Protein backbone atom coordinates (compact mmCIF):
# COMPACT_ATOMS: atom_id res chain seq x y z
CA MET A 1 0.00 0.00 0.00
CA ARG A 2 1.31 3.47 -0.93
CA VAL A 3 1.54 5.78 2.08
CA VAL A 4 3.13 9.01 3.25
CA GLY A 5 4.14 9.77 6.88
CA ILE A 6 2.82 12.99 8.38
CA ARG A 7 3.43 14.64 11.73
CA PHE A 8 1.20 17.33 13.27
CA LYS A 9 3.46 18.51 16.08
CA LYS A 10 7.17 18.68 16.65
CA ALA A 11 8.26 15.33 18.07
CA GLY A 12 4.68 14.12 17.65
CA LYS A 13 3.58 10.73 16.38
CA ILE A 14 3.86 9.95 12.69
CA TYR A 15 0.67 8.92 10.94
CA TYR A 16 0.23 7.22 7.59
CA PHE A 17 -1.99 8.79 4.95
CA ASP A 18 -2.90 8.02 1.35
CA PRO A 19 -0.88 10.46 -0.81
CA GLN A 20 -3.18 9.89 -3.80
CA ASP A 21 -1.48 11.37 -6.91
CA LEU A 22 -0.01 14.40 -5.10
CA ASN A 23 3.40 12.84 -4.36
CA PRO A 24 4.20 15.14 -1.38
CA GLN A 25 7.87 15.33 -0.39
CA VAL A 26 9.60 15.48 2.98
CA GLY A 27 9.45 18.97 4.46
CA GLN A 28 6.30 19.99 2.62
CA HIS A 29 3.16 20.94 4.51
CA VAL A 30 -0.11 19.32 3.53
CA ILE A 31 -3.80 19.45 4.34
CA VAL A 32 -5.20 16.08 5.35
CA GLU A 33 -8.44 14.53 6.50
CA THR A 34 -8.32 13.09 10.01
CA ALA A 35 -10.78 11.60 12.46
CA ARG A 36 -11.19 15.00 14.12
CA GLY A 37 -11.51 17.04 10.93
CA VAL A 38 -9.28 18.74 8.40
CA GLU A 39 -5.74 19.25 9.70
CA PHE A 40 -2.43 20.86 8.71
CA GLY A 41 0.65 18.64 8.93
CA GLU A 42 4.24 18.22 7.79
CA VAL A 43 5.51 15.37 5.62
CA VAL A 44 8.32 13.56 7.47
CA LEU A 45 8.27 10.28 5.52
CA GLY A 46 8.04 10.52 1.74
CA PRO A 47 5.76 8.29 -0.36
CA ARG A 48 6.60 4.62 0.08
CA ASP A 49 5.07 1.18 -0.14
CA VAL A 50 4.33 -0.65 3.12
CA ASP A 51 2.68 -3.92 4.00
CA GLU A 52 -1.07 -3.59 4.45
CA LYS A 53 -0.66 -5.15 7.92
CA GLU A 54 1.12 -1.95 9.02
CA VAL A 55 -1.84 0.22 8.11
CA VAL A 56 -5.07 0.76 10.00
CA ALA A 57 -7.84 0.83 7.41
CA PRO A 58 -9.51 2.86 6.09
CA LEU A 59 -6.54 5.09 5.27
CA LYS A 60 -7.29 8.82 5.36
CA GLN A 61 -6.25 10.92 2.37
CA VAL A 62 -3.98 13.88 1.72
CA ILE A 63 -6.34 16.55 0.41
CA ARG A 64 -3.76 18.96 -1.04
CA ILE A 65 -0.33 20.47 -0.68
CA ALA A 66 -0.61 23.45 1.70
CA THR A 67 -0.96 26.82 0.00
CA ALA A 68 0.12 30.28 1.14
CA ALA A 69 -3.46 30.85 2.31
CA ASP A 70 -3.24 27.69 4.43
CA GLN A 71 -0.01 28.93 5.99
CA ASP A 72 -1.71 32.23 6.85
CA GLN A 73 -4.61 30.32 8.39
CA ILE A 74 -2.20 28.48 10.70
CA LYS A 75 -0.60 31.76 11.78
CA GLN A 76 -4.04 33.20 12.57
CA ASN A 77 -4.94 30.05 14.51
CA ARG A 78 -1.79 30.36 16.63
CA ALA A 79 -2.65 33.97 17.46
CA GLN A 80 -6.21 33.00 18.38
CA GLU A 81 -4.91 30.17 20.58
CA LYS A 82 -3.04 32.67 22.76
CA LYS A 83 -6.21 34.74 23.22
CA ALA A 84 -8.24 31.61 23.97
CA PHE A 85 -5.66 30.55 26.58
CA THR A 86 -6.06 33.83 28.48
CA ILE A 87 -9.85 33.70 28.31
CA CYS A 88 -9.95 30.09 29.53
CA GLN A 89 -7.62 30.86 32.45
CA LYS A 90 -9.98 33.62 33.59
CA LYS A 91 -12.99 31.29 33.29
CA ILE A 92 -11.22 28.58 35.31
CA ALA A 93 -10.44 31.10 38.06
CA ALA A 94 -14.02 32.39 38.02
CA HIS A 95 -15.37 28.87 38.52
CA GLY A 96 -12.72 28.06 41.12
CA LEU A 97 -11.76 24.81 39.41
CA PRO A 98 -8.69 22.87 40.65
CA MET A 99 -7.07 22.53 37.23
CA ASN A 100 -4.01 23.92 35.47
CA LEU A 101 -4.37 24.94 31.84
CA VAL A 102 -1.37 23.80 29.80
CA GLU A 103 -2.13 24.47 26.14
CA VAL A 104 -4.89 25.48 23.74
CA GLU A 105 -5.16 24.15 20.20
CA TYR A 106 -7.44 25.07 17.33
CA THR A 107 -8.06 22.48 14.63
CA PHE A 108 -7.06 23.80 11.21
CA ASP A 109 -10.62 24.55 10.12
CA ARG A 110 -11.46 26.01 13.56
CA GLY A 111 -14.21 23.47 13.94
CA LYS A 112 -13.01 22.64 17.44
CA ILE A 113 -10.87 24.11 20.22
CA ILE A 114 -9.02 21.69 22.48
CA PHE A 115 -7.95 22.81 25.95
CA TYR A 116 -5.27 20.63 27.56
CA PHE A 117 -5.05 20.70 31.34
CA THR A 118 -3.64 18.86 34.33
CA ALA A 119 -5.39 18.17 37.63
CA ASP A 120 -4.86 15.96 40.66
CA GLY A 121 -8.19 14.22 40.17
CA ARG A 122 -11.38 14.37 38.18
CA VAL A 123 -12.81 17.82 37.55
CA ASP A 124 -16.44 18.69 36.86
CA PHE A 125 -15.95 21.23 34.08
CA ARG A 126 -19.42 21.12 32.51
CA GLU A 127 -20.21 24.72 33.42
CA LEU A 128 -16.82 25.80 32.11
CA VAL A 129 -17.50 24.12 28.76
CA ARG A 130 -20.82 25.95 28.48
CA ASP A 131 -19.12 29.28 29.17
CA LEU A 132 -16.39 28.62 26.63
CA ALA A 133 -18.88 27.49 23.99
CA ALA A 134 -20.83 30.71 24.49
CA VAL A 135 -17.67 32.76 23.96
CA PHE A 136 -16.11 30.91 21.01
CA ARG A 137 -19.26 29.50 19.40
CA THR A 138 -17.59 26.31 18.27
CA ARG A 139 -17.04 22.78 19.58
CA ILE A 140 -15.12 22.71 22.86
CA GLU A 141 -13.06 19.81 24.16
CA LEU A 142 -11.27 19.74 27.52
CA ARG A 143 -8.62 17.03 27.66
CA GLN A 144 -6.88 16.05 30.88
CA ILE A 145 -3.25 15.02 30.36
CA GLY A 146 -0.53 13.51 32.54
CA VAL A 147 2.65 15.09 33.84
CA ARG A 148 4.80 13.56 31.09
CA ASP A 149 2.54 14.99 28.40
CA GLU A 150 2.65 18.35 30.17
CA ALA A 151 6.46 18.35 30.08
CA LYS A 152 6.37 17.46 26.37
CA LEU A 153 4.07 20.38 25.59
CA ILE A 154 5.86 22.96 27.73
CA GLY A 155 9.45 21.81 27.19
CA GLY A 156 12.53 22.86 29.15
CA LEU A 157 16.08 21.80 29.93
CA GLY A 158 16.88 18.43 31.45
CA PRO A 159 19.59 17.72 34.07
CA CYS A 160 22.03 17.19 31.19
CA GLY A 161 21.59 20.79 30.07
CA ARG A 162 19.89 19.85 26.81
CA VAL A 163 16.29 20.39 25.76
CA CYS A 164 14.03 17.55 26.91
CA CYS A 165 14.10 14.51 24.62
CA CYS A 166 10.31 14.32 24.62
CA THR A 167 10.13 17.85 23.23
CA THR A 168 12.76 17.41 20.52
CA PHE A 169 12.51 13.91 19.06
CA LEU A 170 10.71 11.31 21.19
CA SER A 171 7.39 10.70 19.48
CA GLU A 172 6.11 8.21 22.06
CA PHE A 173 6.71 7.58 25.74
CA GLU A 174 8.09 4.18 26.70
CA PRO A 175 7.69 2.81 30.22
CA VAL A 176 10.80 3.26 32.35
CA SER A 177 11.22 1.21 35.51
CA ILE A 178 13.54 1.63 38.48
CA ARG A 179 15.22 -1.65 37.42
CA VAL A 180 16.78 0.22 34.49
CA ALA A 181 18.57 2.58 36.89
CA LYS A 182 19.68 -0.31 39.11
CA LYS A 183 21.23 -2.19 36.17
CA GLN A 184 23.26 0.92 35.33
CA ASN A 185 24.44 1.24 38.94
CA LEU A 186 22.98 4.74 39.14
CA SER A 187 22.06 6.55 42.31
CA LEU A 188 18.49 5.76 43.24
CA ASN A 189 18.01 9.27 44.59
CA PRO A 190 14.75 10.41 42.89
CA THR A 191 16.08 13.94 42.36
CA LYS A 192 18.96 12.59 40.26
CA ILE A 193 17.11 10.15 38.04
CA SER A 194 13.86 12.07 37.53
CA GLY A 195 13.06 14.49 34.73
CA LEU A 196 11.16 17.77 34.79
CA CYS A 197 7.90 15.83 34.90
CA GLY A 198 8.92 14.15 38.16
CA ARG A 199 8.99 10.71 36.53
CA LEU A 200 12.04 8.59 35.72
CA MET A 201 14.04 10.16 32.91
CA CYS A 202 13.32 8.76 29.43
CA CYS A 203 17.07 8.63 28.66
CA LEU A 204 17.54 5.85 31.23
CA LYS A 205 15.91 3.62 28.64
CA TYR A 206 18.62 4.34 26.07
CA GLU A 207 20.99 1.89 27.76
CA SER A 208 18.42 -0.90 27.76
CA PRO A 209 18.17 -3.57 25.03
CA PRO A 210 15.95 -2.47 22.12
CA ALA A 211 12.36 -3.65 22.03
CA ASP A 212 11.43 -6.74 20.05
CA LYS A 213 11.70 -5.70 16.41
CA ASN A 214 9.49 -8.57 15.33
CA LYS A 215 6.44 -6.99 16.94
CA LYS A 216 3.90 -5.79 14.43
CA SER A 217 3.84 -2.03 14.01
CA THR A 218 0.53 -0.27 13.91
CA ASN A 219 -0.50 3.01 12.42
CA PRO A 220 -3.08 5.13 14.28
CA ALA A 221 -3.68 7.40 11.29
CA ALA A 222 -7.41 6.86 11.59
CA ALA A 223 -7.31 7.92 15.24
CA GLU A 224 -6.99 11.39 16.64
CA GLU A 225 -3.54 12.92 16.88
CA LYS A 226 -1.67 13.82 20.10
């Protein structure tokens, strides 16, 4: 099956799409159809043939190569996201909700706004959603994320002095256990083996044997990104 690999965020997951006859090249931006609507993404894997077992059917299609107008739309969306972030923070404070807003994202066609937040437990945000829907007059989604996802979105410098791996190139989080640190004879002091998120550093996994390469790979292109 002919596919092209597309990423929607820096260090985000790569999803397979049907390139049709467009033949998009690495580095180009494209408009694609996804499970959550029309989206803007970057080609990171050029057209190639893969086994059908590696693809989750039905495969979504690349609609077109991004135009200058599409690029302008993305810039406008980013500006609107900053305004939406401020508005949502004020609404959260007004409702006295125990949640921390992390990021706001517009879908390309502005058919939905996604608010990412962290919280210690479950939060009843139904009234907040109603308020936000009244302000933005579009579909609203509040998505609770974990501390590792928060660190990936915000970014920062790790103990090594470099930008966090999850922000720069790690597309998926792999489980890291304390056994990995023990095998490397590292100090088990949590402050020395934990990242900005407070969890064990992802780089501890680099010294472990690679995962079984015979496992079947799957492509979540038909699922929502992030």
